[in-house]
């Protein structure tokens, strides 16, 4: 292996390490956002029980923004995984083309000029196809990012209303769990039991 091949291989290893780091950072961000959603949900229930509508709506907006952030990053991870798999396929194609080229060189020693031209043409077509696929993947990523950015305000308002309704229902159910009257009745029953003893 010559110097340039070693350098190229080292650069590829460094890219893979950087790719793993970036992916891990995104996965950790998603997990933090999911924990934030749970935290915000609890805060929103408290605001609903306190009947603080301004704070309740603000927290519900935080929940919606966090949910969208999680969805957006999960989609980007999905596209990332898809592109990584595709890159691996392209890499395998390039390695195959290089192996094919090496085989062709050994065959060229015993071939006619017409055979050599045909082999060279096949190699060039294979390499051009790999390059074209790489460009198509890049275009696909650009298109997918544009699609993620197109979220309408109407959908946001509908989602916000659904989140607020779910939080209010949950807060009411939790609030109805034990009333002051139930607590006082339980205390009286305990006092009566103690008074009998």
C-alpha atoms as a PDB file:
ATOM      1  CA  UNK A   1       0.000   0.000   0.000  1.00  0.00           C
ATOM      2  CA  UNK A   2       1.529   3.299  -1.033  1.00  0.00           C
ATOM      3  CA  UNK A   3       1.545   6.568   0.875  1.00  0.00           C
ATOM      4  CA  UNK A   4      -1.504   8.026  -0.890  1.00  0.00           C
ATOM      5  CA  UNK A   5      -3.601   4.929  -0.255  1.00  0.00           C
ATOM      6  CA  UNK A   6      -2.643   4.949   3.419  1.00  0.00           C
ATOM      7  CA  UNK A   7      -3.510   8.614   3.681  1.00  0.00           C
ATOM      8  CA  UNK A   8      -6.857   8.067   1.978  1.00  0.00           C
ATOM      9  CA  UNK A   9      -7.622   5.126   4.263  1.00  0.00           C
ATOM     10  CA  UNK A  10      -6.688   7.175   7.366  1.00  0.00           C
ATOM     11  CA  UNK A  11      -8.932  10.038   6.209  1.00  0.00           C
ATOM     12  CA  UNK A  12     -11.814   7.608   5.699  1.00  0.00           C
ATOM     13  CA  UNK A  13     -11.356   6.235   9.224  1.00  0.00           C
ATOM     14  CA  UNK A  14     -11.321   9.784  10.613  1.00  0.00           C
ATOM     15  CA  UNK A  15     -14.537  10.582   8.702  1.00  0.00           C
ATOM     16  CA  UNK A  16     -16.216   7.485  10.119  1.00  0.00           C
ATOM     17  CA  UNK A  17     -15.201   8.446  13.665  1.00  0.00           C
ATOM     18  CA  UNK A  18     -16.508  11.982  13.156  1.00  0.00           C
ATOM     19  CA  UNK A  19     -19.727  10.572  11.697  1.00  0.00           C
ATOM     20  CA  UNK A  20     -20.258   8.341  14.747  1.00  0.00           C
ATOM     21  CA  UNK A  21     -19.621  11.269  17.093  1.00  0.00           C
ATOM     22  CA  UNK A  22     -22.117  13.455  15.269  1.00  0.00           C
ATOM     23  CA  UNK A  23     -24.755  10.747  15.225  1.00  0.00           C
ATOM     24  CA  UNK A  24     -24.250  10.056  18.950  1.00  0.00           C
ATOM     25  CA  UNK A  25     -24.612  13.775  19.733  1.00  0.00           C
ATOM     26  CA  UNK A  26     -27.924  13.900  17.844  1.00  0.00           C
ATOM     27  CA  UNK A  27     -29.185  10.764  19.625  1.00  0.00           C
ATOM     28  CA  UNK A  28     -28.316  12.321  22.996  1.00  0.00           C
ATOM     29  CA  UNK A  29     -30.097  15.548  22.001  1.00  0.00           C
ATOM     30  CA  UNK A  30     -33.227  13.562  21.126  1.00  0.00           C
ATOM     31  CA  UNK A  31     -33.162  11.821  24.510  1.00  0.00           C
ATOM     32  CA  UNK A  32     -32.749  15.152  26.334  1.00  0.00           C
ATOM     33  CA  UNK A  33     -35.665  16.614  24.401  1.00  0.00           C
ATOM     34  CA  UNK A  34     -37.858  13.627  25.285  1.00  0.00           C
ATOM     35  CA  UNK A  35     -37.031  14.150  28.970  1.00  0.00           C
ATOM     36  CA  UNK A  36     -37.813  17.860  28.559  1.00  0.00           C
ATOM     37  CA  UNK A  37     -41.219  16.987  27.094  1.00  0.00           C
ATOM     38  CA  UNK A  38     -42.028  14.903  30.187  1.00  0.00           C
ATOM     39  CA  UNK A  39     -40.862  17.741  32.441  1.00  0.00           C
ATOM     40  CA  UNK A  40     -42.883  20.342  30.522  1.00  0.00           C
ATOM     41  CA  UNK A  41     -45.915  18.038  30.621  1.00  0.00           C
ATOM     42  CA  UNK A  42     -45.790  17.989  34.418  1.00  0.00           C
ATOM     43  CA  UNK A  43     -45.397  21.770  34.542  1.00  0.00           C
ATOM     44  CA  UNK A  44     -48.348  22.220  32.195  1.00  0.00           C
ATOM     45  CA  UNK A  45     -50.537  20.029  34.401  1.00  0.00           C
ATOM     46  CA  UNK A  46     -49.605  22.178  37.387  1.00  0.00           C
ATOM     47  CA  UNK A  47     -50.478  25.329  35.439  1.00  0.00           C
ATOM     48  CA  UNK A  48     -53.806  23.771  34.393  1.00  0.00           C
ATOM     49  CA  UNK A  49     -54.667  22.869  38.002  1.00  0.00           C
ATOM     50  CA  UNK A  50     -53.780  26.437  39.033  1.00  0.00           C
ATOM     51  CA  UNK A  51     -55.922  27.676  36.118  1.00  0.00           C
ATOM     52  CA  UNK A  52     -53.080  29.868  34.830  1.00  0.00           C
ATOM     53  CA  UNK A  53     -54.058  29.852  31.148  1.00  0.00           C
ATOM     54  CA  UNK A  54     -51.221  32.102  29.972  1.00  0.00           C
ATOM     55  CA  UNK A  55     -48.534  29.901  31.500  1.00  0.00           C
ATOM     56  CA  UNK A  56     -50.422  26.764  30.478  1.00  0.00           C
ATOM     57  CA  UNK A  57     -50.493  27.793  26.817  1.00  0.00           C
ATOM     58  CA  UNK A  58     -46.824  28.852  26.888  1.00  0.00           C
ATOM     59  CA  UNK A  59     -45.738  25.494  28.307  1.00  0.00           C
ATOM     60  CA  UNK A  60     -47.922  23.667  25.763  1.00  0.00           C
ATOM     61  CA  UNK A  61     -46.058  25.575  23.034  1.00  0.00           C
ATOM     62  CA  UNK A  62     -42.756  24.390  24.535  1.00  0.00           C
ATOM     63  CA  UNK A  63     -44.060  20.818  24.411  1.00  0.00           C
ATOM     64  CA  UNK A  64     -45.106  21.184  20.774  1.00  0.00           C
ATOM     65  CA  UNK A  65     -41.769  22.753  19.805  1.00  0.00           C
ATOM     66  CA  UNK A  66     -39.892  19.971  21.595  1.00  0.00           C
ATOM     67  CA  UNK A  67     -42.000  17.264  19.954  1.00  0.00           C
ATOM     68  CA  UNK A  68     -41.343  18.783  16.551  1.00  0.00           C
ATOM     69  CA  UNK A  69     -37.645  19.040  17.299  1.00  0.00           C
ATOM     70  CA  UNK A  70     -37.547  15.350  18.237  1.00  0.00           C
ATOM     71  CA  UNK A  71     -39.463  14.399  15.086  1.00  0.00           C
ATOM     72  CA  UNK A  72     -37.225  16.531  12.899  1.00  0.00           C
ATOM     73  CA  UNK A  73     -34.011  15.066  14.334  1.00  0.00           C
ATOM     74  CA  UNK A  74     -35.366  11.514  14.205  1.00  0.00           C
ATOM     75  CA  UNK A  75     -36.165  12.043  10.518  1.00  0.00           C
ATOM     76  CA  UNK A  76     -32.700  13.449   9.925  1.00  0.00           C
ATOM     77  CA  UNK A  77     -31.194  10.404  11.645  1.00  0.00           C
ATOM     78  CA  UNK A  78     -33.300   8.172   9.436  1.00  0.00           C
ATOM     79  CA  UNK A  79     -32.071   9.991   6.332  1.00  0.00           C
ATOM     80  CA  UNK A  80     -28.546   9.887   7.726  1.00  0.00           C
ATOM     81  CA  UNK A  81     -28.739   6.110   8.197  1.00  0.00           C
ATOM     82  CA  UNK A  82     -30.172   5.737   4.714  1.00  0.00           C
ATOM     83  CA  UNK A  83     -27.395   7.876   3.212  1.00  0.00           C
ATOM     84  CA  UNK A  84     -24.762   5.994   5.178  1.00  0.00           C
ATOM     85  CA  UNK A  85     -26.058   2.675   3.840  1.00  0.00           C
ATOM     86  CA  UNK A  86     -26.091   4.123   0.343  1.00  0.00           C
ATOM     87  CA  UNK A  87     -22.554   5.459   0.791  1.00  0.00           C
ATOM     88  CA  UNK A  88     -21.441   1.987   1.826  1.00  0.00           C
ATOM     89  CA  UNK A  89     -23.014   0.603  -1.351  1.00  0.00           C
ATOM     90  CA  UNK A  90     -21.226   3.199  -3.436  1.00  0.00           C
ATOM     91  CA  UNK A  91     -17.965   2.410  -1.640  1.00  0.00           C
ATOM     92  CA  UNK A  92     -18.437  -1.273  -2.399  1.00  0.00           C
ATOM     93  CA  UNK A  93     -19.072  -0.378  -6.052  1.00  0.00           C
ATOM     94  CA  UNK A  94     -15.906   1.730  -6.154  1.00  0.00           C
ATOM     95  CA  UNK A  95     -13.865  -1.078  -4.574  1.00  0.00           C
ATOM     96  CA  UNK A  96     -15.320  -3.481  -7.090  1.00  0.00           C
ATOM     97  CA  UNK A  97     -14.413  -1.107  -9.912  1.00  0.00           C
ATOM     98  CA  UNK A  98     -10.846  -0.923  -8.623  1.00  0.00           C
ATOM     99  CA  UNK A  99     -10.647  -4.711  -8.387  1.00  0.00           C
ATOM    100  CA  UNK A 100     -12.116  -4.924 -11.860  1.00  0.00           C
ATOM    101  CA  UNK A 101      -9.537  -2.449 -13.085  1.00  0.00           C
ATOM    102  CA  UNK A 102      -6.708  -4.498 -11.538  1.00  0.00           C
ATOM    103  CA  UNK A 103      -8.087  -7.631 -13.163  1.00  0.00           C
ATOM    104  CA  UNK A 104      -8.405  -5.779 -16.449  1.00  0.00           C
ATOM    105  CA  UNK A 105      -4.765  -4.679 -16.266  1.00  0.00           C
ATOM    106  CA  UNK A 106      -3.657  -8.281 -15.875  1.00  0.00           C
ATOM    107  CA  UNK A 107      -5.879  -9.276 -18.780  1.00  0.00           C
ATOM    108  CA  UNK A 108      -4.567  -6.436 -20.903  1.00  0.00           C
ATOM    109  CA  UNK A 109      -1.181  -8.018 -21.065  1.00  0.00           C
ATOM    110  CA  UNK A 110      -2.656 -10.773 -23.255  1.00  0.00           C
ATOM    111  CA  UNK A 111      -5.454  -8.830 -25.016  1.00  0.00           C
ATOM    112  CA  UNK A 112      -5.862  -7.038 -28.290  1.00  0.00           C
ATOM    113  CA  UNK A 113      -6.231  -3.227 -28.486  1.00  0.00           C
ATOM    114  CA  UNK A 114      -9.996  -3.594 -29.207  1.00  0.00           C
ATOM    115  CA  UNK A 115     -10.491  -5.691 -26.055  1.00  0.00           C
ATOM    116  CA  UNK A 116      -8.477  -3.172 -24.054  1.00  0.00           C
ATOM    117  CA  UNK A 117     -10.678  -0.294 -25.262  1.00  0.00           C
ATOM    118  CA  UNK A 118     -13.864  -2.183 -24.320  1.00  0.00           C
ATOM    119  CA  UNK A 119     -12.549  -3.006 -20.831  1.00  0.00           C
ATOM    120  CA  UNK A 120     -11.461   0.585 -20.262  1.00  0.00           C
ATOM    121  CA  UNK A 121     -14.878   1.839 -21.393  1.00  0.00           C
ATOM    122  CA  UNK A 122     -16.651  -0.542 -18.975  1.00  0.00           C
ATOM    123  CA  UNK A 123     -14.464   0.639 -16.109  1.00  0.00           C
ATOM    124  CA  UNK A 124     -15.115   4.294 -16.874  1.00  0.00           C
ATOM    125  CA  UNK A 125     -18.869   3.691 -17.074  1.00  0.00           C
ATOM    126  CA  UNK A 126     -18.843   1.958 -13.671  1.00  0.00           C
ATOM    127  CA  UNK A 127     -16.947   4.822 -12.069  1.00  0.00           C
ATOM    128  CA  UNK A 128     -19.236   7.406 -13.695  1.00  0.00           C
ATOM    129  CA  UNK A 129     -22.304   5.570 -12.366  1.00  0.00           C
ATOM    130  CA  UNK A 130     -20.871   5.578  -8.835  1.00  0.00           C
ATOM    131  CA  UNK A 131     -20.221   9.317  -9.074  1.00  0.00           C
ATOM    132  CA  UNK A 132     -23.714   9.964 -10.472  1.00  0.00           C
ATOM    133  CA  UNK A 133     -25.299   7.995  -7.603  1.00  0.00           C
ATOM    134  CA  UNK A 134     -23.348  10.093  -5.122  1.00  0.00           C
ATOM    135  CA  UNK A 135     -24.698  13.293  -6.703  1.00  0.00           C
ATOM    136  CA  UNK A 136     -28.240  11.893  -6.634  1.00  0.00           C
ATOM    137  CA  UNK A 137     -27.891  11.138  -2.908  1.00  0.00           C
ATOM    138  CA  UNK A 138     -26.752  14.667  -2.254  1.00  0.00           C
ATOM    139  CA  UNK A 139     -29.769  16.035  -4.130  1.00  0.00           C
ATOM    140  CA  UNK A 140     -32.071  13.701  -2.212  1.00  0.00           C
ATOM    141  CA  UNK A 141     -30.728  15.014   1.089  1.00  0.00           C
ATOM    142  CA  UNK A 142     -31.336  18.612  -0.018  1.00  0.00           C
ATOM    143  CA  UNK A 143     -34.915  17.806  -1.032  1.00  0.00           C
ATOM    144  CA  UNK A 144     -35.632  15.945   2.213  1.00  0.00           C
ATOM    145  CA  UNK A 145     -34.366  18.859   4.317  1.00  0.00           C
ATOM    146  CA  UNK A 146     -36.650  21.239   2.420  1.00  0.00           C
ATOM    147  CA  UNK A 147     -39.607  18.940   3.097  1.00  0.00           C
ATOM    148  CA  UNK A 148     -38.873  18.975   6.830  1.00  0.00           C
ATOM    149  CA  UNK A 149     -39.002  22.763   6.924  1.00  0.00           C
ATOM    150  CA  UNK A 150     -42.493  22.983   5.370  1.00  0.00           C
ATOM    151  CA  UNK A 151     -44.790  22.772   8.412  1.00  0.00           C
ATOM    152  CA  UNK A 152     -47.942  24.881   8.210  1.00  0.00           C
ATOM    153  CA  UNK A 153     -49.255  27.117  10.982  1.00  0.00           C
ATOM    154  CA  UNK A 154     -52.710  25.488  10.806  1.00  0.00           C
ATOM    155  CA  UNK A 155     -51.252  22.122  11.690  1.00  0.00           C
ATOM    156  CA  UNK A 156     -49.327  23.735  14.548  1.00  0.00           C
ATOM    157  CA  UNK A 157     -52.494  25.258  16.037  1.00  0.00           C
ATOM    158  CA  UNK A 158     -54.341  21.936  15.770  1.00  0.00           C
ATOM    159  CA  UNK A 159     -51.503  20.063  17.405  1.00  0.00           C
ATOM    160  CA  UNK A 160     -51.224  22.693  20.133  1.00  0.00           C
ATOM    161  CA  UNK A 161     -54.948  22.375  20.893  1.00  0.00           C
ATOM    162  CA  UNK A 162     -54.632  18.579  21.112  1.00  0.00           C
ATOM    163  CA  UNK A 163     -51.679  18.833  23.498  1.00  0.00           C
ATOM    164  CA  UNK A 164     -53.495  21.353  25.681  1.00  0.00           C
ATOM    165  CA  UNK A 165     -56.636  19.190  25.817  1.00  0.00           C
ATOM    166  CA  UNK A 166     -54.641  16.087  26.777  1.00  0.00           C
ATOM    167  CA  UNK A 167     -52.805  17.957  29.541  1.00  0.00           C
ATOM    168  CA  UNK A 168     -56.022  19.454  30.908  1.00  0.00           C
ATOM    169  CA  UNK A 169     -57.735  16.053  30.945  1.00  0.00           C
ATOM    170  CA  UNK A 170     -54.784  14.488  32.744  1.00  0.00           C
ATOM    171  CA  UNK A 171     -54.586  17.360  35.247  1.00  0.00           C
ATOM    172  CA  UNK A 172     -58.315  17.103  35.980  1.00  0.00           C
ATOM    173  CA  UNK A 173     -58.101  13.344  36.485  1.00  0.00           C
ATOM    174  CA  UNK A 174     -55.173  13.742  38.858  1.00  0.00           C
ATOM    175  CA  UNK A 175     -56.917  16.621  40.647  1.00  0.00           C
ATOM    176  CA  UNK A 176     -60.061  14.564  41.139  1.00  0.00           C
ATOM    177  CA  UNK A 177     -58.080  11.794  42.797  1.00  0.00           C
ATOM    178  CA  UNK A 178     -58.530  12.991  46.400  1.00  0.00           C
ATOM    179  CA  UNK A 179     -60.648  15.977  47.414  1.00  0.00           C
ATOM    180  CA  UNK A 180     -60.455  17.991  50.641  1.00  0.00           C
ATOM    181  CA  UNK A 181     -63.783  16.509  51.730  1.00  0.00           C
ATOM    182  CA  UNK A 182     -62.400  12.982  51.290  1.00  0.00           C
ATOM    183  CA  UNK A 183     -59.339  13.870  53.351  1.00  0.00           C
ATOM    184  CA  UNK A 184     -61.487  15.401  56.141  1.00  0.00           C
ATOM    185  CA  UNK A 185     -63.774  12.363  56.198  1.00  0.00           C
ATOM    186  CA  UNK A 186     -60.754  10.062  56.496  1.00  0.00           C
ATOM    187  CA  UNK A 187     -59.337  12.163  59.347  1.00  0.00           C
ATOM    188  CA  UNK A 188     -62.685  12.069  61.208  1.00  0.00           C
ATOM    189  CA  UNK A 189     -62.843   8.305  60.823  1.00  0.00           C
ATOM    190  CA  UNK A 190     -59.310   7.971  62.219  1.00  0.00           C
ATOM    191  CA  UNK A 191     -60.182  10.256  65.180  1.00  0.00           C
ATOM    192  CA  UNK A 192     -63.288   8.234  65.925  1.00  0.00           C
ATOM    193  CA  UNK A 193     -61.243   5.038  65.892  1.00  0.00           C
ATOM    194  CA  UNK A 194     -58.692   6.579  68.233  1.00  0.00           C
ATOM    195  CA  UNK A 195     -61.468   7.901  70.525  1.00  0.00           C
ATOM    196  CA  UNK A 196     -62.947   4.397  70.881  1.00  0.00           C
ATOM    197  CA  UNK A 197     -59.679   2.840  71.868  1.00  0.00           C
END
